[in-house]
C-alpha atoms as a PDB file:
ATOM      1  CA  MET A   1     -32.268   8.987  12.073  1.00  0.00           C
ATOM      2  CA  ALA A   2     -29.732   6.682  10.438  1.00  0.00           C
ATOM      3  CA  LYS A   3     -30.892   3.913   8.132  1.00  0.00           C
ATOM      4  CA  GLN A   4     -29.539   0.446   7.468  1.00  0.00           C
ATOM      5  CA  ILE A   5     -30.029  -2.335   4.955  1.00  0.00           C
ATOM      6  CA  ILE A   6     -28.989  -5.876   5.820  1.00  0.00           C
ATOM      7  CA  CYS A   7     -27.694  -8.035   2.964  1.00  0.00           C
ATOM      8  CA  GLN A   8     -28.668 -11.687   2.714  1.00  0.00           C
ATOM      9  CA  CYS A   9     -25.070 -12.556   3.712  1.00  0.00           C
ATOM     10  CA  GLY A  10     -25.306 -10.501   6.903  1.00  0.00           C
ATOM     11  CA  PHE A  11     -23.368  -7.427   5.760  1.00  0.00           C
ATOM     12  CA  VAL A  12     -24.985  -4.266   7.122  1.00  0.00           C
ATOM     13  CA  GLY A  13     -24.948  -1.121   5.001  1.00  0.00           C
ATOM     14  CA  ARG A  14     -25.580   2.026   7.037  1.00  0.00           C
ATOM     15  CA  GLY A  15     -26.104   5.639   6.073  1.00  0.00           C
ATOM     16  CA  GLU A  16     -27.717   8.859   7.196  1.00  0.00           C
ATOM     17  CA  THR A  17     -30.566   8.255   4.723  1.00  0.00           C
ATOM     18  CA  ALA A  18     -32.084   5.240   2.993  1.00  0.00           C
ATOM     19  CA  ALA A  19     -30.383   6.373  -0.224  1.00  0.00           C
ATOM     20  CA  ASP A  20     -26.997   6.476   1.535  1.00  0.00           C
ATOM     21  CA  ALA A  21     -27.498   2.953   2.897  1.00  0.00           C
ATOM     22  CA  ALA A  22     -28.587   1.752  -0.556  1.00  0.00           C
ATOM     23  CA  ALA A  23     -25.387   3.172  -2.070  1.00  0.00           C
ATOM     24  CA  VAL A  24     -23.307   1.232   0.475  1.00  0.00           C
ATOM     25  CA  ILE A  25     -25.189  -1.971  -0.357  1.00  0.00           C
ATOM     26  CA  GLU A  26     -24.806  -1.366  -4.101  1.00  0.00           C
ATOM     27  CA  GLY A  27     -21.038  -1.160  -3.634  1.00  0.00           C
ATOM     28  CA  HIS A  28     -21.106  -4.294  -1.505  1.00  0.00           C
ATOM     29  CA  MET A  29     -23.085  -6.157  -4.172  1.00  0.00           C
ATOM     30  CA  GLN A  30     -20.611  -5.127  -6.877  1.00  0.00           C
ATOM     31  CA  SER A  31     -17.658  -6.493  -4.920  1.00  0.00           C
ATOM     32  CA  ASP A  32     -19.185  -9.488  -3.111  1.00  0.00           C
ATOM     33  CA  HIS A  33     -22.292 -10.457  -5.092  1.00  0.00           C
ATOM     34  CA  PRO A  34     -21.747  -9.492  -8.742  1.00  0.00           C
ATOM     35  CA  GLU A  35     -24.483 -11.915  -9.778  1.00  0.00           C
ATOM     36  CA  LEU A  36     -27.025  -9.635  -8.067  1.00  0.00           C
ATOM     37  CA  VAL A  37     -25.989  -6.470  -9.899  1.00  0.00           C
ATOM     38  CA  GLY A  38     -28.914  -5.534 -12.119  1.00  0.00           C
ATOM     39  CA  GLU A  39     -31.192  -8.030 -10.359  1.00  0.00           C
ATOM     40  CA  VAL A  40     -31.923  -5.888  -7.299  1.00  0.00           C
ATOM     41  CA  SER A  41     -33.252  -2.429  -8.104  1.00  0.00           C
ATOM     42  CA  LYS A  42     -32.588   0.788  -6.195  1.00  0.00           C
ATOM     43  CA  ASP A  43     -36.310   0.833  -5.306  1.00  0.00           C
ATOM     44  CA  ASP A  44     -35.987  -2.685  -3.858  1.00  0.00           C
ATOM     45  CA  LEU A  45     -33.058  -1.561  -1.707  1.00  0.00           C
ATOM     46  CA  LEU A  46     -34.849   1.571  -0.525  1.00  0.00           C
ATOM     47  CA  ALA A  47     -37.840  -0.584   0.494  1.00  0.00           C
ATOM     48  CA  MET A  48     -35.501  -2.746   2.597  1.00  0.00           C
ATOM     49  CA  ALA A  49     -34.139   0.220   4.580  1.00  0.00           C
ATOM     50  CA  GLU A  50     -34.909   0.271   8.287  1.00  0.00           C
ATOM     51  CA  GLU A  51     -33.936   2.429  11.219  1.00  0.00           C
ATOM     52  CA  ALA A  52     -30.433   1.698  12.457  1.00  0.00           C
END
């Protein structure tokens, strides 16, 4: 089942797996929230993943 992670700004990163959704959110953070890069770990993102 697809997974999603919702950013604090409301952006929704979706993927087939939690890791895929985390990769989408990492890209989003780099472009829209550079201050969070390095502050939010991959493990934190994976823990935030939920069913889409």
